[in-house]
Amino acid sequence: MVALDEVVVDLFRNHNRELSRFVRRRVGREEAEDVVQSAYLHLLQKAEIESVERPRAYLFRIASNLATDAKRKSRTRLHYEVEDMDVDRSGPVDSHSETSSDYLIEIFRLQICLAKLPSLCRATFILNRVDGLTYPEIAARLDISLRTVNRNMVKASDHIRRHFDR
């Protein structure tokens, strides 16, 4: 009888790189490490690993399910965050008021934050939030897939939230 920890260590040694690439393709680089770690934890919680005929396939199935869950959560989070992040499209502000200086500071902070994003990600965000283009319109204009538009919006939203939560 093979011990559970021996099976997991063997899977890690022989398949971790492959598993990491597999997950990265599904959720992106930022979330991949968490998904992979969770997959190993789920496997460790399996009391009777010897009953699993193909542990590698089982590990990849766990990772695939966790990646699907992570994407679903990201889409839901993005939906609510983007609604809350409406860019103010009103006219010019009075340059002498205290409110306008706060507004300008926030705009400057947003510009700095956006400048740190990869150019395609930044363009996707601006086309949606400033120019008001839909995801399909952005995909057509930038010649990218809807999936890439969605990933870029999630990435930009996460980046902006982290930048402003400091």
N, C-alpha and C. Protein backbone atom coordinates (compact mmCIF):
# COMPACT_ATOMS: atom_id res chain seq x y z
N MET A 1 0.85 -1.19 0.00
CA MET A 1 0.00 0.00 0.00
C MET A 1 0.89 1.25 0.00
N VAL A 2 0.61 2.17 -0.91
CA VAL A 2 1.39 3.39 -1.05
C VAL A 2 0.78 4.48 -0.18
N ALA A 3 1.62 5.20 0.55
CA ALA A 3 1.15 6.27 1.42
C ALA A 3 0.72 7.46 0.59
N LEU A 4 -0.28 8.16 1.09
CA LEU A 4 -0.83 9.33 0.40
C LEU A 4 0.22 10.38 0.13
N ASP A 5 1.03 10.70 1.14
CA ASP A 5 2.04 11.76 0.94
C ASP A 5 3.09 11.36 -0.09
N GLU A 6 3.39 10.06 -0.20
CA GLU A 6 4.35 9.60 -1.22
C GLU A 6 3.78 9.80 -2.62
N VAL A 7 2.49 9.53 -2.78
CA VAL A 7 1.84 9.71 -4.08
C VAL A 7 1.86 11.17 -4.47
N VAL A 8 1.54 12.05 -3.54
CA VAL A 8 1.49 13.48 -3.82
C VAL A 8 2.88 14.02 -4.14
N VAL A 9 3.88 13.59 -3.38
CA VAL A 9 5.25 14.03 -3.63
C VAL A 9 5.69 13.55 -5.02
N ASP A 10 5.36 12.33 -5.36
CA ASP A 10 5.71 11.79 -6.68
C ASP A 10 5.00 12.58 -7.79
N LEU A 11 3.74 12.88 -7.60
CA LEU A 11 3.01 13.68 -8.60
C LEU A 11 3.63 15.07 -8.73
N PHE A 12 3.99 15.65 -7.61
CA PHE A 12 4.60 16.98 -7.64
C PHE A 12 5.92 16.95 -8.41
N ARG A 13 6.76 16.00 -8.08
CA ARG A 13 8.07 15.90 -8.75
C ARG A 13 7.95 15.69 -10.25
N ASN A 14 7.03 14.83 -10.64
CA ASN A 14 6.95 14.42 -12.04
C ASN A 14 6.03 15.27 -12.91
N HIS A 15 5.09 15.98 -12.30
CA HIS A 15 4.06 16.62 -13.12
C HIS A 15 3.75 18.07 -12.74
N ASN A 16 4.44 18.65 -11.78
CA ASN A 16 4.07 19.99 -11.33
C ASN A 16 4.21 21.05 -12.43
N ARG A 17 5.31 20.98 -13.18
CA ARG A 17 5.49 21.96 -14.27
C ARG A 17 4.37 21.86 -15.30
N GLU A 18 4.08 20.64 -15.67
CA GLU A 18 3.02 20.41 -16.65
C GLU A 18 1.67 20.88 -16.11
N LEU A 19 1.39 20.58 -14.85
CA LEU A 19 0.14 21.01 -14.23
C LEU A 19 0.06 22.53 -14.16
N SER A 20 1.15 23.18 -13.82
CA SER A 20 1.17 24.64 -13.75
C SER A 20 0.88 25.26 -15.12
N ARG A 21 1.47 24.73 -16.18
CA ARG A 21 1.20 25.24 -17.53
C ARG A 21 -0.27 25.01 -17.92
N PHE A 22 -0.76 23.84 -17.58
CA PHE A 22 -2.14 23.47 -17.85
C PHE A 22 -3.10 24.48 -17.21
N VAL A 23 -2.86 24.80 -15.96
CA VAL A 23 -3.73 25.72 -15.22
C VAL A 23 -3.55 27.16 -15.72
N ARG A 24 -2.30 27.56 -15.99
CA ARG A 24 -2.04 28.93 -16.50
C ARG A 24 -2.82 29.22 -17.78
N ARG A 25 -2.92 28.22 -18.64
CA ARG A 25 -3.67 28.41 -19.89
C ARG A 25 -5.14 28.67 -19.61
N ARG A 26 -5.64 28.21 -18.49
CA ARG A 26 -7.06 28.35 -18.18
C ARG A 26 -7.39 29.61 -17.37
N VAL A 27 -6.52 29.99 -16.45
CA VAL A 27 -6.85 31.11 -15.56
C VAL A 27 -5.85 32.26 -15.61
N GLY A 28 -4.76 32.09 -16.31
CA GLY A 28 -3.74 33.14 -16.34
C GLY A 28 -2.70 32.92 -15.26
N ARG A 29 -1.62 33.64 -15.41
CA ARG A 29 -0.45 33.48 -14.53
C ARG A 29 -0.76 33.84 -13.08
N GLU A 30 -1.54 34.91 -12.88
CA GLU A 30 -1.75 35.41 -11.53
C GLU A 30 -2.49 34.43 -10.62
N GLU A 31 -3.48 33.73 -11.15
CA GLU A 31 -4.27 32.83 -10.33
C GLU A 31 -3.78 31.38 -10.37
N ALA A 32 -2.91 31.07 -11.30
CA ALA A 32 -2.50 29.68 -11.52
C ALA A 32 -1.87 29.06 -10.28
N GLU A 33 -1.00 29.78 -9.63
CA GLU A 33 -0.30 29.22 -8.46
C GLU A 33 -1.29 28.82 -7.37
N ASP A 34 -2.29 29.66 -7.13
CA ASP A 34 -3.29 29.34 -6.10
C ASP A 34 -4.10 28.11 -6.49
N VAL A 35 -4.46 28.01 -7.75
CA VAL A 35 -5.25 26.87 -8.21
C VAL A 35 -4.45 25.58 -8.09
N VAL A 36 -3.18 25.63 -8.49
CA VAL A 36 -2.33 24.43 -8.41
C VAL A 36 -2.17 24.00 -6.95
N GLN A 37 -1.91 24.96 -6.09
CA GLN A 37 -1.75 24.63 -4.67
C GLN A 37 -3.04 24.02 -4.11
N SER A 38 -4.17 24.58 -4.47
CA SER A 38 -5.45 24.04 -4.02
C SER A 38 -5.68 22.63 -4.54
N ALA A 39 -5.23 22.37 -5.76
CA ALA A 39 -5.40 21.03 -6.32
C ALA A 39 -4.62 19.99 -5.50
N TYR A 40 -3.40 20.34 -5.13
CA TYR A 40 -2.61 19.41 -4.30
C TYR A 40 -3.26 19.24 -2.93
N LEU A 41 -3.79 20.32 -2.37
CA LEU A 41 -4.46 20.22 -1.07
C LEU A 41 -5.69 19.32 -1.16
N HIS A 42 -6.46 19.47 -2.22
CA HIS A 42 -7.62 18.60 -2.41
C HIS A 42 -7.19 17.14 -2.50
N LEU A 43 -6.12 16.91 -3.22
CA LEU A 43 -5.62 15.55 -3.36
C LEU A 43 -5.17 14.99 -2.01
N LEU A 44 -4.50 15.83 -1.21
CA LEU A 44 -4.06 15.39 0.11
C LEU A 44 -5.24 15.06 1.03
N GLN A 45 -6.36 15.69 0.81
CA GLN A 45 -7.54 15.44 1.63
C GLN A 45 -8.24 14.14 1.25
N LYS A 46 -7.86 13.58 0.12
CA LYS A 46 -8.43 12.31 -0.32
C LYS A 46 -7.86 11.20 0.55
N ALA A 47 -8.67 10.61 1.38
CA ALA A 47 -8.21 9.64 2.37
C ALA A 47 -7.68 8.35 1.73
N GLU A 48 -8.32 7.88 0.69
CA GLU A 48 -7.96 6.60 0.11
C GLU A 48 -7.41 6.78 -1.30
N ILE A 49 -6.22 7.33 -1.39
CA ILE A 49 -5.61 7.60 -2.68
C ILE A 49 -5.36 6.33 -3.48
N GLU A 50 -5.15 5.22 -2.79
CA GLU A 50 -4.90 3.97 -3.50
C GLU A 50 -6.11 3.50 -4.29
N SER A 51 -7.30 4.02 -3.98
CA SER A 51 -8.49 3.66 -4.75
C SER A 51 -8.57 4.41 -6.08
N VAL A 52 -7.74 5.42 -6.24
CA VAL A 52 -7.71 6.18 -7.49
C VAL A 52 -6.82 5.45 -8.48
N GLU A 53 -7.38 5.07 -9.62
CA GLU A 53 -6.63 4.29 -10.60
C GLU A 53 -5.52 5.09 -11.27
N ARG A 54 -5.81 6.36 -11.61
CA ARG A 54 -4.83 7.19 -12.30
C ARG A 54 -4.68 8.50 -11.55
N PRO A 55 -3.79 8.57 -10.57
CA PRO A 55 -3.65 9.77 -9.73
C PRO A 55 -3.32 11.04 -10.52
N ARG A 56 -2.51 10.92 -11.57
CA ARG A 56 -2.17 12.10 -12.37
C ARG A 56 -3.42 12.68 -13.02
N ALA A 57 -4.20 11.81 -13.65
CA ALA A 57 -5.44 12.26 -14.30
C ALA A 57 -6.40 12.85 -13.27
N TYR A 58 -6.45 12.24 -12.10
CA TYR A 58 -7.31 12.74 -11.03
C TYR A 58 -6.86 14.13 -10.58
N LEU A 59 -5.55 14.32 -10.43
CA LEU A 59 -5.01 15.63 -10.05
C LEU A 59 -5.35 16.69 -11.10
N PHE A 60 -5.19 16.35 -12.38
CA PHE A 60 -5.50 17.29 -13.45
C PHE A 60 -7.00 17.60 -13.49
N ARG A 61 -7.84 16.63 -13.19
CA ARG A 61 -9.29 16.86 -13.15
C ARG A 61 -9.62 17.83 -12.01
N ILE A 62 -9.01 17.62 -10.85
CA ILE A 62 -9.21 18.54 -9.71
C ILE A 62 -8.80 19.95 -10.13
N ALA A 63 -7.62 20.08 -10.73
CA ALA A 63 -7.12 21.38 -11.14
C ALA A 63 -8.04 22.03 -12.17
N SER A 64 -8.53 21.25 -13.11
CA SER A 64 -9.44 21.77 -14.13
C SER A 64 -10.72 22.31 -13.49
N ASN A 65 -11.27 21.55 -12.56
CA ASN A 65 -12.48 22.00 -11.86
C ASN A 65 -12.23 23.27 -11.06
N LEU A 66 -11.10 23.33 -10.37
CA LEU A 66 -10.76 24.52 -9.59
C LEU A 66 -10.53 25.74 -10.50
N ALA A 67 -9.92 25.50 -11.66
CA ALA A 67 -9.70 26.59 -12.62
C ALA A 67 -11.04 27.12 -13.13
N THR A 68 -11.96 26.23 -13.41
CA THR A 68 -13.30 26.64 -13.85
C THR A 68 -13.97 27.48 -12.78
N ASP A 69 -13.86 27.05 -11.53
CA ASP A 69 -14.44 27.81 -10.43
C ASP A 69 -13.79 29.19 -10.30
N ALA A 70 -12.47 29.24 -10.45
CA ALA A 70 -11.75 30.51 -10.34
C ALA A 70 -12.17 31.47 -11.44
N LYS A 71 -12.33 30.97 -12.67
CA LYS A 71 -12.78 31.83 -13.77
C LYS A 71 -14.18 32.35 -13.51
N ARG A 72 -15.04 31.49 -13.00
CA ARG A 72 -16.42 31.90 -12.70
C ARG A 72 -16.43 33.01 -11.65
N LYS A 73 -15.62 32.83 -10.61
CA LYS A 73 -15.54 33.84 -9.55
C LYS A 73 -14.99 35.16 -10.09
N SER A 74 -13.99 35.08 -10.97
CA SER A 74 -13.40 36.28 -11.55
C SER A 74 -14.42 37.04 -12.38
N ARG A 75 -15.21 36.32 -13.17
CA ARG A 75 -16.23 36.97 -14.00
C ARG A 75 -17.27 37.65 -13.12
N THR A 76 -17.70 36.97 -12.07
CA THR A 76 -18.69 37.54 -11.18
C THR A 76 -18.13 38.77 -10.49
N ARG A 77 -16.90 38.67 -10.00
CA ARG A 77 -16.25 39.80 -9.32
C ARG A 77 -16.10 40.96 -10.29
N LEU A 78 -15.67 40.67 -11.52
CA LEU A 78 -15.50 41.71 -12.53
C LEU A 78 -16.82 42.41 -12.81
N HIS A 79 -17.88 41.65 -12.93
CA HIS A 79 -19.18 42.23 -13.23
C HIS A 79 -19.56 43.28 -12.20
N TYR A 80 -19.39 42.95 -10.93
CA TYR A 80 -19.78 43.90 -9.89
C TYR A 80 -18.77 45.02 -9.71
N GLU A 81 -17.49 44.74 -9.88
CA GLU A 81 -16.48 45.79 -9.72
C GLU A 81 -16.56 46.82 -10.84
N VAL A 82 -16.76 46.36 -12.06
CA VAL A 82 -16.82 47.28 -13.19
C VAL A 82 -18.04 48.18 -13.07
N GLU A 83 -19.15 47.65 -12.58
CA GLU A 83 -20.33 48.48 -12.36
C GLU A 83 -20.03 49.59 -11.36
N ASP A 84 -19.23 49.28 -10.34
CA ASP A 84 -18.91 50.25 -9.30
C ASP A 84 -17.85 51.25 -9.73
N MET A 85 -17.14 50.97 -10.82
CA MET A 85 -16.02 51.82 -11.22
C MET A 85 -16.37 52.80 -12.31
N ASP A 86 -17.64 53.14 -12.48
CA ASP A 86 -18.03 54.04 -13.57
C ASP A 86 -17.13 55.25 -13.64
N VAL A 87 -16.57 55.47 -14.81
CA VAL A 87 -15.72 56.63 -15.04
C VAL A 87 -16.63 57.83 -15.23
N ASP A 88 -16.35 58.92 -14.52
CA ASP A 88 -17.16 60.13 -14.61
C ASP A 88 -16.97 60.77 -15.97
N ARG A 89 -18.07 60.90 -16.72
CA ARG A 89 -17.98 61.48 -18.06
C ARG A 89 -18.60 62.88 -18.09
N SER A 90 -18.69 63.52 -16.93
CA SER A 90 -19.28 64.85 -16.90
C SER A 90 -18.29 65.86 -17.46
N GLY A 91 -18.74 67.10 -17.59
CA GLY A 91 -17.93 68.16 -18.18
C GLY A 91 -16.79 68.56 -17.28
N PRO A 92 -16.08 69.64 -17.65
CA PRO A 92 -14.93 70.10 -16.88
C PRO A 92 -15.35 70.58 -15.49
N VAL A 93 -14.43 70.50 -14.55
CA VAL A 93 -14.71 70.91 -13.19
C VAL A 93 -14.08 72.27 -12.92
N ASP A 94 -14.61 72.94 -11.91
CA ASP A 94 -14.08 74.24 -11.52
C ASP A 94 -12.69 74.05 -10.94
N SER A 95 -11.68 74.63 -11.54
CA SER A 95 -10.30 74.38 -11.12
C SER A 95 -9.96 75.00 -9.79
N HIS A 96 -10.85 75.81 -9.20
CA HIS A 96 -10.54 76.46 -7.94
C HIS A 96 -11.18 75.77 -6.74
N SER A 97 -12.03 74.81 -6.97
CA SER A 97 -12.70 74.18 -5.83
C SER A 97 -11.85 73.04 -5.27
N GLU A 98 -12.07 72.75 -3.99
CA GLU A 98 -11.35 71.66 -3.32
C GLU A 98 -11.73 70.32 -3.95
N THR A 99 -12.99 70.17 -4.32
CA THR A 99 -13.46 68.93 -4.92
C THR A 99 -12.75 68.67 -6.24
N SER A 100 -12.55 69.72 -7.02
CA SER A 100 -11.90 69.52 -8.32
C SER A 100 -10.44 69.11 -8.16
N SER A 101 -9.76 69.61 -7.15
CA SER A 101 -8.37 69.20 -6.95
C SER A 101 -8.31 67.73 -6.52
N ASP A 102 -9.26 67.30 -5.70
CA ASP A 102 -9.33 65.88 -5.33
C ASP A 102 -9.62 65.03 -6.57
N TYR A 103 -10.50 65.53 -7.40
CA TYR A 103 -10.85 64.84 -8.64
C TYR A 103 -9.61 64.69 -9.54
N LEU A 104 -8.88 65.77 -9.69
CA LEU A 104 -7.68 65.74 -10.53
C LEU A 104 -6.62 64.81 -9.97
N ILE A 105 -6.50 64.78 -8.65
CA ILE A 105 -5.54 63.87 -8.02
C ILE A 105 -5.93 62.42 -8.30
N GLU A 106 -7.21 62.13 -8.18
CA GLU A 106 -7.68 60.77 -8.44
C GLU A 106 -7.47 60.39 -9.92
N ILE A 107 -7.72 61.33 -10.82
CA ILE A 107 -7.49 61.06 -12.24
C ILE A 107 -6.00 60.80 -12.49
N PHE A 108 -5.16 61.59 -11.86
CA PHE A 108 -3.71 61.41 -12.00
C PHE A 108 -3.30 60.04 -11.46
N ARG A 109 -3.83 59.66 -10.31
CA ARG A 109 -3.53 58.34 -9.74
C ARG A 109 -3.98 57.22 -10.68
N LEU A 110 -5.16 57.41 -11.28
CA LEU A 110 -5.68 56.41 -12.21
C LEU A 110 -4.77 56.31 -13.45
N GLN A 111 -4.31 57.45 -13.94
CA GLN A 111 -3.40 57.43 -15.10
C GLN A 111 -2.10 56.70 -14.78
N ILE A 112 -1.56 56.95 -13.61
CA ILE A 112 -0.33 56.26 -13.19
C ILE A 112 -0.59 54.76 -13.09
N CYS A 113 -1.72 54.41 -12.49
CA CYS A 113 -2.08 53.01 -12.33
C CYS A 113 -2.23 52.33 -13.69
N LEU A 114 -2.94 52.97 -14.62
CA LEU A 114 -3.15 52.39 -15.94
C LEU A 114 -1.85 52.28 -16.72
N ALA A 115 -0.94 53.20 -16.51
CA ALA A 115 0.34 53.17 -17.22
C ALA A 115 1.16 51.93 -16.85
N LYS A 116 0.90 51.35 -15.71
CA LYS A 116 1.64 50.17 -15.27
C LYS A 116 1.10 48.88 -15.87
N LEU A 117 -0.05 48.96 -16.53
CA LEU A 117 -0.64 47.78 -17.17
C LEU A 117 0.01 47.52 -18.53
N PRO A 118 0.02 46.26 -18.97
CA PRO A 118 0.46 46.00 -20.35
C PRO A 118 -0.43 46.78 -21.32
N SER A 119 0.11 47.18 -22.44
CA SER A 119 -0.60 48.07 -23.36
C SER A 119 -1.93 47.49 -23.85
N LEU A 120 -1.99 46.21 -24.17
CA LEU A 120 -3.24 45.62 -24.65
C LEU A 120 -4.29 45.61 -23.54
N CYS A 121 -3.87 45.32 -22.34
CA CYS A 121 -4.77 45.32 -21.19
C CYS A 121 -5.31 46.74 -20.94
N ARG A 122 -4.42 47.70 -20.98
CA ARG A 122 -4.80 49.11 -20.78
C ARG A 122 -5.77 49.56 -21.88
N ALA A 123 -5.47 49.22 -23.12
CA ALA A 123 -6.34 49.61 -24.24
C ALA A 123 -7.72 48.99 -24.10
N THR A 124 -7.77 47.73 -23.70
CA THR A 124 -9.05 47.04 -23.51
C THR A 124 -9.88 47.78 -22.46
N PHE A 125 -9.26 48.10 -21.34
CA PHE A 125 -9.96 48.78 -20.26
C PHE A 125 -10.47 50.15 -20.71
N ILE A 126 -9.64 50.92 -21.35
CA ILE A 126 -10.01 52.27 -21.77
C ILE A 126 -11.13 52.23 -22.82
N LEU A 127 -11.03 51.30 -23.77
CA LEU A 127 -12.07 51.19 -24.78
C LEU A 127 -13.43 50.87 -24.15
N ASN A 128 -13.42 50.07 -23.10
CA ASN A 128 -14.67 49.72 -22.44
C ASN A 128 -15.16 50.82 -21.51
N ARG A 129 -14.31 51.23 -20.58
CA ARG A 129 -14.76 52.14 -19.52
C ARG A 129 -14.81 53.61 -19.94
N VAL A 130 -13.98 54.03 -20.85
CA VAL A 130 -13.96 55.44 -21.27
C VAL A 130 -14.75 55.62 -22.57
N ASP A 131 -14.47 54.77 -23.56
CA ASP A 131 -15.12 54.92 -24.86
C ASP A 131 -16.48 54.22 -24.92
N GLY A 132 -16.76 53.36 -23.94
CA GLY A 132 -18.07 52.71 -23.87
C GLY A 132 -18.29 51.57 -24.84
N LEU A 133 -17.22 51.00 -25.39
CA LEU A 133 -17.36 49.88 -26.32
C LEU A 133 -17.73 48.61 -25.57
N THR A 134 -18.51 47.76 -26.22
CA THR A 134 -18.85 46.46 -25.65
C THR A 134 -17.69 45.50 -25.84
N TYR A 135 -17.72 44.39 -25.16
CA TYR A 135 -16.65 43.41 -25.30
C TYR A 135 -16.51 42.92 -26.74
N PRO A 136 -17.62 42.59 -27.44
CA PRO A 136 -17.46 42.17 -28.84
C PRO A 136 -16.87 43.28 -29.72
N GLU A 137 -17.24 44.53 -29.47
CA GLU A 137 -16.66 45.64 -30.24
C GLU A 137 -15.17 45.79 -29.99
N ILE A 138 -14.77 45.61 -28.73
CA ILE A 138 -13.35 45.69 -28.38
C ILE A 138 -12.59 44.55 -29.05
N ALA A 139 -13.15 43.35 -29.00
CA ALA A 139 -12.51 42.19 -29.63
C ALA A 139 -12.29 42.44 -31.12
N ALA A 140 -13.29 42.99 -31.77
CA ALA A 140 -13.18 43.27 -33.21
C ALA A 140 -12.14 44.36 -33.47
N ARG A 141 -12.18 45.42 -32.69
CA ARG A 141 -11.26 46.54 -32.92
C ARG A 141 -9.81 46.14 -32.68
N LEU A 142 -9.55 45.36 -31.61
CA LEU A 142 -8.18 44.98 -31.27
C LEU A 142 -7.76 43.65 -31.91
N ASP A 143 -8.70 43.00 -32.61
CA ASP A 143 -8.44 41.72 -33.24
C ASP A 143 -7.97 40.68 -32.22
N ILE A 144 -8.74 40.57 -31.13
CA ILE A 144 -8.47 39.59 -30.08
C ILE A 144 -9.77 38.85 -29.78
N SER A 145 -9.68 37.76 -29.05
CA SER A 145 -10.88 36.98 -28.72
C SER A 145 -11.65 37.63 -27.57
N LEU A 146 -12.92 37.26 -27.47
CA LEU A 146 -13.73 37.74 -26.34
C LEU A 146 -13.13 37.28 -25.02
N ARG A 147 -12.58 36.09 -25.03
CA ARG A 147 -11.95 35.55 -23.82
C ARG A 147 -10.78 36.44 -23.38
N THR A 148 -10.00 36.92 -24.34
CA THR A 148 -8.88 37.80 -24.03
C THR A 148 -9.38 39.15 -23.52
N VAL A 149 -10.46 39.65 -24.10
CA VAL A 149 -11.06 40.90 -23.61
C VAL A 149 -11.47 40.71 -22.15
N ASN A 150 -12.14 39.61 -21.86
CA ASN A 150 -12.59 39.34 -20.49
C ASN A 150 -11.41 39.23 -19.53
N ARG A 151 -10.37 38.50 -19.94
CA ARG A 151 -9.18 38.36 -19.09
C ARG A 151 -8.53 39.72 -18.83
N ASN A 152 -8.42 40.54 -19.88
CA ASN A 152 -7.81 41.86 -19.72
C ASN A 152 -8.62 42.74 -18.79
N MET A 153 -9.94 42.65 -18.87
CA MET A 153 -10.79 43.46 -17.99
C MET A 153 -10.65 43.00 -16.53
N VAL A 154 -10.58 41.70 -16.32
CA VAL A 154 -10.37 41.17 -14.97
C VAL A 154 -9.02 41.63 -14.44
N LYS A 155 -8.00 41.51 -15.27
CA LYS A 155 -6.65 41.90 -14.86
C LYS A 155 -6.59 43.40 -14.54
N ALA A 156 -7.17 44.22 -15.40
CA ALA A 156 -7.16 45.67 -15.18
C ALA A 156 -7.94 46.03 -13.92
N SER A 157 -9.09 45.42 -13.74
CA SER A 157 -9.90 45.72 -12.55
C SER A 157 -9.19 45.32 -11.27
N ASP A 158 -8.59 44.13 -11.28
CA ASP A 158 -7.82 43.68 -10.11
C ASP A 158 -6.66 44.63 -9.83
N HIS A 159 -5.96 45.03 -10.88
CA HIS A 159 -4.81 45.93 -10.74
C HIS A 159 -5.25 47.27 -10.16
N ILE A 160 -6.32 47.83 -10.68
CA ILE A 160 -6.81 49.13 -10.20
C ILE A 160 -7.27 49.03 -8.75
N ARG A 161 -7.99 47.97 -8.45
CA ARG A 161 -8.46 47.79 -7.07
C ARG A 161 -7.28 47.70 -6.10
N ARG A 162 -6.26 46.91 -6.47
CA ARG A 162 -5.09 46.80 -5.60
C ARG A 162 -4.38 48.15 -5.45
N HIS A 163 -4.27 48.89 -6.54
CA HIS A 163 -3.59 50.18 -6.54
C HIS A 163 -4.30 51.18 -5.62
N PHE A 164 -5.62 51.19 -5.65
CA PHE A 164 -6.37 52.16 -4.87
C PHE A 164 -6.68 51.69 -3.46
N ASP A 165 -6.44 50.41 -3.18
CA ASP A 165 -6.68 49.89 -1.82
C ASP A 165 -5.49 50.13 -0.91
N ARG A 166 -4.40 50.66 -1.43
CA ARG A 166 -3.19 50.85 -0.63
C ARG A 166 -3.43 51.80 0.50
